[in-house]
Amino acid sequence: MKIKKGDRVKVIAGKDRGKKGKILQVYAVRNKVTVEGINLAIKHVKPRKQNEKGQKIEFPAPLNISNLMLLCPKCNKATRVAYKILADKKNNKARICVKCKELID
């Protein structure tokens, strides 16, 4: 997977197109992620005890990874991700920004 928890991403498709946010959680098996402040859904919660009110809870719903692009921390542009095997470490792959050729990790 080319996107990790904590990365900043830009939404390229859907109702929140153009917005930027930080990845909170990654669901690798389903190819989905949750992004802070993007794709917010509302859940209605019933009162559990007497004299308690019901409420609406807003939470970020999972988004498909194909609708996101990684923001390079160096050039701050939405970019694709390439991999490079580092010579100093044994068989260690690092992510690279395709636009500015800088290491992302």
N, C-alpha and C. Protein backbone atom coordinates (compact mmCIF):
# COMPACT_ATOMS: atom_id res chain seq x y z
N MET A 1 0.83 -1.17 0.00
CA MET A 1 0.00 0.00 0.00
C MET A 1 0.88 1.24 0.00
N LYS A 2 0.55 2.20 -0.83
CA LYS A 2 1.42 3.37 -1.00
C LYS A 2 1.11 4.50 -0.04
N ILE A 3 0.03 4.37 0.72
CA ILE A 3 -0.36 5.40 1.68
C ILE A 3 -0.33 4.80 3.08
N LYS A 4 0.18 5.57 4.05
CA LYS A 4 0.30 5.08 5.42
C LYS A 4 -0.43 6.02 6.37
N LYS A 5 -0.65 5.54 7.59
CA LYS A 5 -1.26 6.35 8.64
C LYS A 5 -0.37 7.55 8.93
N GLY A 6 -0.99 8.73 9.03
CA GLY A 6 -0.24 9.95 9.32
C GLY A 6 0.12 10.76 8.09
N ASP A 7 -0.01 10.19 6.89
CA ASP A 7 0.28 10.92 5.65
C ASP A 7 -0.77 11.99 5.40
N ARG A 8 -0.36 13.07 4.74
CA ARG A 8 -1.32 14.08 4.30
C ARG A 8 -1.72 13.74 2.87
N VAL A 9 -3.04 13.78 2.60
CA VAL A 9 -3.55 13.42 1.28
C VAL A 9 -4.52 14.48 0.78
N LYS A 10 -4.74 14.45 -0.54
CA LYS A 10 -5.70 15.34 -1.20
C LYS A 10 -6.75 14.46 -1.86
N VAL A 11 -8.03 14.83 -1.72
CA VAL A 11 -9.12 14.07 -2.33
C VAL A 11 -9.24 14.52 -3.78
N ILE A 12 -9.24 13.54 -4.72
CA ILE A 12 -9.30 13.87 -6.15
C ILE A 12 -10.63 13.51 -6.78
N ALA A 13 -11.52 12.85 -6.02
CA ALA A 13 -12.82 12.47 -6.56
C ALA A 13 -13.84 12.40 -5.44
N GLY A 14 -15.10 12.69 -5.75
CA GLY A 14 -16.16 12.59 -4.77
C GLY A 14 -16.64 13.93 -4.29
N LYS A 15 -17.50 13.91 -3.27
CA LYS A 15 -18.14 15.14 -2.79
C LYS A 15 -17.15 16.10 -2.11
N ASP A 16 -16.05 15.59 -1.61
CA ASP A 16 -15.05 16.41 -0.93
C ASP A 16 -13.82 16.69 -1.79
N ARG A 17 -13.98 16.67 -3.12
CA ARG A 17 -12.85 16.86 -4.04
C ARG A 17 -12.13 18.17 -3.75
N GLY A 18 -10.80 18.12 -3.70
CA GLY A 18 -9.97 19.29 -3.47
C GLY A 18 -9.57 19.49 -2.02
N LYS A 19 -10.24 18.83 -1.08
CA LYS A 19 -9.92 18.99 0.33
C LYS A 19 -8.67 18.19 0.69
N LYS A 20 -7.99 18.64 1.74
CA LYS A 20 -6.77 17.98 2.20
C LYS A 20 -6.97 17.55 3.65
N GLY A 21 -6.32 16.46 4.02
CA GLY A 21 -6.43 15.99 5.39
C GLY A 21 -5.38 14.95 5.72
N LYS A 22 -5.38 14.54 6.99
CA LYS A 22 -4.40 13.57 7.49
C LYS A 22 -5.10 12.21 7.66
N ILE A 23 -4.41 11.14 7.31
CA ILE A 23 -4.98 9.80 7.41
C ILE A 23 -4.98 9.37 8.88
N LEU A 24 -6.17 8.93 9.34
CA LEU A 24 -6.33 8.49 10.71
C LEU A 24 -6.20 6.98 10.85
N GLN A 25 -6.75 6.24 9.88
CA GLN A 25 -6.77 4.78 9.98
C GLN A 25 -6.71 4.18 8.58
N VAL A 26 -6.05 3.04 8.44
CA VAL A 26 -5.90 2.36 7.15
C VAL A 26 -6.51 0.97 7.25
N TYR A 27 -7.38 0.64 6.29
CA TYR A 27 -7.96 -0.70 6.18
C TYR A 27 -7.36 -1.35 4.93
N ALA A 28 -6.24 -2.03 5.07
CA ALA A 28 -5.48 -2.55 3.94
C ALA A 28 -6.24 -3.61 3.15
N VAL A 29 -6.98 -4.46 3.82
CA VAL A 29 -7.70 -5.55 3.15
C VAL A 29 -8.80 -4.99 2.25
N ARG A 30 -9.46 -3.92 2.72
CA ARG A 30 -10.56 -3.33 1.95
C ARG A 30 -10.12 -2.21 1.03
N ASN A 31 -8.84 -1.83 1.02
CA ASN A 31 -8.31 -0.72 0.22
C ASN A 31 -8.99 0.61 0.56
N LYS A 32 -9.23 0.85 1.84
CA LYS A 32 -9.89 2.07 2.27
C LYS A 32 -9.12 2.71 3.41
N VAL A 33 -9.33 4.02 3.56
CA VAL A 33 -8.72 4.78 4.66
C VAL A 33 -9.75 5.77 5.20
N THR A 34 -9.56 6.20 6.44
CA THR A 34 -10.35 7.30 6.97
C THR A 34 -9.45 8.52 7.06
N VAL A 35 -9.99 9.66 6.62
CA VAL A 35 -9.22 10.90 6.57
C VAL A 35 -9.90 11.92 7.48
N GLU A 36 -9.10 12.63 8.24
CA GLU A 36 -9.58 13.60 9.22
C GLU A 36 -10.38 14.72 8.54
N GLY A 37 -11.66 14.87 8.92
CA GLY A 37 -12.50 15.96 8.41
C GLY A 37 -13.06 15.76 7.02
N ILE A 38 -12.88 14.58 6.43
CA ILE A 38 -13.34 14.32 5.06
C ILE A 38 -14.30 13.14 5.05
N ASN A 39 -15.32 13.21 4.20
CA ASN A 39 -16.34 12.17 4.05
C ASN A 39 -17.05 11.93 5.38
N LEU A 40 -17.49 13.02 6.00
CA LEU A 40 -18.14 12.92 7.30
C LEU A 40 -19.54 12.33 7.15
N ALA A 41 -19.87 11.38 8.01
CA ALA A 41 -21.18 10.74 8.04
C ALA A 41 -21.82 11.04 9.39
N ILE A 42 -23.14 11.00 9.43
CA ILE A 42 -23.86 11.26 10.66
C ILE A 42 -24.52 9.97 11.13
N LYS A 43 -24.34 9.67 12.40
CA LYS A 43 -24.93 8.48 13.00
C LYS A 43 -25.87 8.95 14.11
N HIS A 44 -27.12 8.47 14.09
CA HIS A 44 -28.09 8.82 15.12
C HIS A 44 -28.00 7.79 16.23
N VAL A 45 -27.81 8.26 17.46
CA VAL A 45 -27.64 7.37 18.60
C VAL A 45 -28.84 7.52 19.52
N LYS A 46 -29.45 6.40 19.87
CA LYS A 46 -30.60 6.41 20.79
C LYS A 46 -30.12 6.65 22.21
N PRO A 47 -30.98 7.20 23.04
CA PRO A 47 -30.61 7.33 24.45
C PRO A 47 -30.54 5.96 25.11
N ARG A 48 -29.52 5.72 25.92
CA ARG A 48 -29.33 4.42 26.57
C ARG A 48 -29.97 4.39 27.97
N LYS A 49 -29.93 5.50 28.69
CA LYS A 49 -30.47 5.57 30.04
C LYS A 49 -31.66 6.51 30.05
N GLN A 50 -32.42 6.45 31.13
CA GLN A 50 -33.52 7.39 31.29
C GLN A 50 -32.95 8.79 31.52
N ASN A 51 -33.70 9.79 31.10
CA ASN A 51 -33.30 11.20 31.22
C ASN A 51 -32.05 11.53 30.41
N GLU A 52 -31.71 10.72 29.43
CA GLU A 52 -30.59 10.99 28.53
C GLU A 52 -31.17 11.30 27.16
N LYS A 53 -30.60 12.25 26.47
CA LYS A 53 -31.10 12.62 25.16
C LYS A 53 -30.39 11.82 24.08
N GLY A 54 -31.10 11.61 22.97
CA GLY A 54 -30.47 11.02 21.79
C GLY A 54 -29.59 12.08 21.15
N GLN A 55 -28.67 11.66 20.29
CA GLN A 55 -27.76 12.63 19.68
C GLN A 55 -27.32 12.19 18.30
N LYS A 56 -26.78 13.15 17.57
CA LYS A 56 -26.20 12.87 16.26
C LYS A 56 -24.69 12.91 16.43
N ILE A 57 -24.01 11.87 15.97
CA ILE A 57 -22.55 11.82 16.04
C ILE A 57 -22.00 11.90 14.62
N GLU A 58 -21.07 12.83 14.41
CA GLU A 58 -20.44 12.99 13.10
C GLU A 58 -19.07 12.32 13.14
N PHE A 59 -18.79 11.45 12.17
CA PHE A 59 -17.52 10.74 12.16
C PHE A 59 -17.05 10.58 10.71
N PRO A 60 -15.73 10.47 10.49
CA PRO A 60 -15.22 10.27 9.13
C PRO A 60 -15.43 8.83 8.67
N ALA A 61 -16.14 8.65 7.57
CA ALA A 61 -16.38 7.32 7.02
C ALA A 61 -15.21 6.93 6.12
N PRO A 62 -14.96 5.63 5.92
CA PRO A 62 -13.85 5.20 5.07
C PRO A 62 -14.01 5.63 3.62
N LEU A 63 -12.90 5.97 2.99
CA LEU A 63 -12.82 6.37 1.59
C LEU A 63 -11.94 5.39 0.84
N ASN A 64 -12.24 5.16 -0.44
CA ASN A 64 -11.39 4.29 -1.24
C ASN A 64 -10.07 4.99 -1.54
N ILE A 65 -8.99 4.24 -1.54
CA ILE A 65 -7.66 4.82 -1.77
C ILE A 65 -7.52 5.41 -3.17
N SER A 66 -8.27 4.89 -4.12
CA SER A 66 -8.18 5.40 -5.50
C SER A 66 -8.69 6.83 -5.62
N ASN A 67 -9.40 7.33 -4.62
CA ASN A 67 -9.92 8.70 -4.65
C ASN A 67 -8.99 9.69 -3.95
N LEU A 68 -7.79 9.24 -3.59
CA LEU A 68 -6.84 10.08 -2.86
C LEU A 68 -5.49 10.13 -3.58
N MET A 69 -4.77 11.24 -3.37
CA MET A 69 -3.38 11.36 -3.82
C MET A 69 -2.55 11.86 -2.65
N LEU A 70 -1.37 11.32 -2.53
CA LEU A 70 -0.46 11.70 -1.46
C LEU A 70 0.08 13.10 -1.70
N LEU A 71 0.16 13.91 -0.64
CA LEU A 71 0.79 15.23 -0.72
C LEU A 71 2.24 15.09 -0.29
N CYS A 72 3.14 15.49 -1.17
CA CYS A 72 4.56 15.41 -0.86
C CYS A 72 4.90 16.43 0.23
N PRO A 73 5.57 16.02 1.30
CA PRO A 73 5.91 16.98 2.36
C PRO A 73 6.94 18.02 1.94
N LYS A 74 7.74 17.72 0.91
CA LYS A 74 8.79 18.65 0.47
C LYS A 74 8.24 19.72 -0.49
N CYS A 75 7.58 19.26 -1.59
CA CYS A 75 7.10 20.20 -2.60
C CYS A 75 5.63 20.58 -2.41
N ASN A 76 4.93 19.92 -1.49
CA ASN A 76 3.54 20.20 -1.14
C ASN A 76 2.59 20.08 -2.34
N LYS A 77 2.87 19.15 -3.25
CA LYS A 77 2.02 18.89 -4.41
C LYS A 77 1.45 17.48 -4.31
N ALA A 78 0.26 17.29 -4.90
CA ALA A 78 -0.32 15.95 -4.97
C ALA A 78 0.50 15.16 -5.98
N THR A 79 0.94 13.98 -5.60
CA THR A 79 1.87 13.22 -6.44
C THR A 79 1.59 11.73 -6.38
N ARG A 80 2.09 11.03 -7.37
CA ARG A 80 2.09 9.58 -7.33
C ARG A 80 3.29 9.14 -6.50
N VAL A 81 3.32 7.87 -6.13
CA VAL A 81 4.39 7.37 -5.30
C VAL A 81 5.19 6.33 -6.07
N ALA A 82 6.51 6.47 -6.04
CA ALA A 82 7.41 5.48 -6.62
C ALA A 82 8.21 4.88 -5.48
N TYR A 83 8.85 3.77 -5.75
CA TYR A 83 9.68 3.12 -4.73
C TYR A 83 11.12 3.08 -5.20
N LYS A 84 12.03 3.18 -4.22
CA LYS A 84 13.45 3.09 -4.51
C LYS A 84 14.07 2.21 -3.44
N ILE A 85 14.94 1.29 -3.87
CA ILE A 85 15.63 0.43 -2.92
C ILE A 85 16.90 1.15 -2.49
N LEU A 86 17.02 1.35 -1.19
CA LEU A 86 18.17 2.09 -0.65
C LEU A 86 19.38 1.17 -0.57
N ALA A 87 20.54 1.70 -0.96
CA ALA A 87 21.77 0.91 -0.98
C ALA A 87 22.37 0.75 0.41
N ASP A 88 22.19 1.76 1.27
CA ASP A 88 22.82 1.68 2.59
C ASP A 88 22.15 0.67 3.52
N LYS A 89 20.87 0.41 3.29
CA LYS A 89 20.19 -0.60 4.10
C LYS A 89 19.89 -1.81 3.23
N LYS A 90 19.83 -2.96 3.83
CA LYS A 90 19.66 -4.19 3.06
C LYS A 90 18.20 -4.39 2.66
N ASN A 91 17.93 -4.36 1.35
CA ASN A 91 16.61 -4.57 0.77
C ASN A 91 15.52 -3.70 1.42
N ASN A 92 15.82 -2.45 1.68
CA ASN A 92 14.85 -1.55 2.28
C ASN A 92 14.27 -0.63 1.21
N LYS A 93 12.95 -0.68 1.05
CA LYS A 93 12.29 0.16 0.06
C LYS A 93 11.87 1.47 0.72
N ALA A 94 12.01 2.56 -0.03
CA ALA A 94 11.57 3.86 0.45
C ALA A 94 10.64 4.47 -0.58
N ARG A 95 9.66 5.25 -0.09
CA ARG A 95 8.74 5.92 -1.01
C ARG A 95 9.37 7.21 -1.52
N ILE A 96 9.10 7.52 -2.80
CA ILE A 96 9.68 8.70 -3.44
C ILE A 96 8.57 9.49 -4.12
N CYS A 97 8.65 10.82 -4.04
CA CYS A 97 7.74 11.70 -4.77
C CYS A 97 8.15 11.67 -6.24
N VAL A 98 7.20 11.43 -7.14
CA VAL A 98 7.50 11.34 -8.56
C VAL A 98 7.85 12.72 -9.13
N LYS A 99 7.29 13.79 -8.56
CA LYS A 99 7.49 15.13 -9.11
C LYS A 99 8.83 15.74 -8.72
N CYS A 100 9.21 15.64 -7.43
CA CYS A 100 10.45 16.30 -7.01
C CYS A 100 11.57 15.30 -6.69
N LYS A 101 11.31 14.00 -6.81
CA LYS A 101 12.30 12.95 -6.61
C LYS A 101 12.91 12.91 -5.19
N GLU A 102 12.18 13.42 -4.20
CA GLU A 102 12.65 13.41 -2.81
C GLU A 102 12.04 12.23 -2.06
N LEU A 103 12.73 11.77 -1.03
CA LEU A 103 12.22 10.69 -0.18
C LEU A 103 11.04 11.20 0.65
N ILE A 104 10.01 10.38 0.78
CA ILE A 104 8.84 10.74 1.57
C ILE A 104 8.99 10.24 3.00
N ASP A 105 9.54 9.05 3.19
CA ASP A 105 9.69 8.48 4.54
C ASP A 105 10.82 9.12 5.29
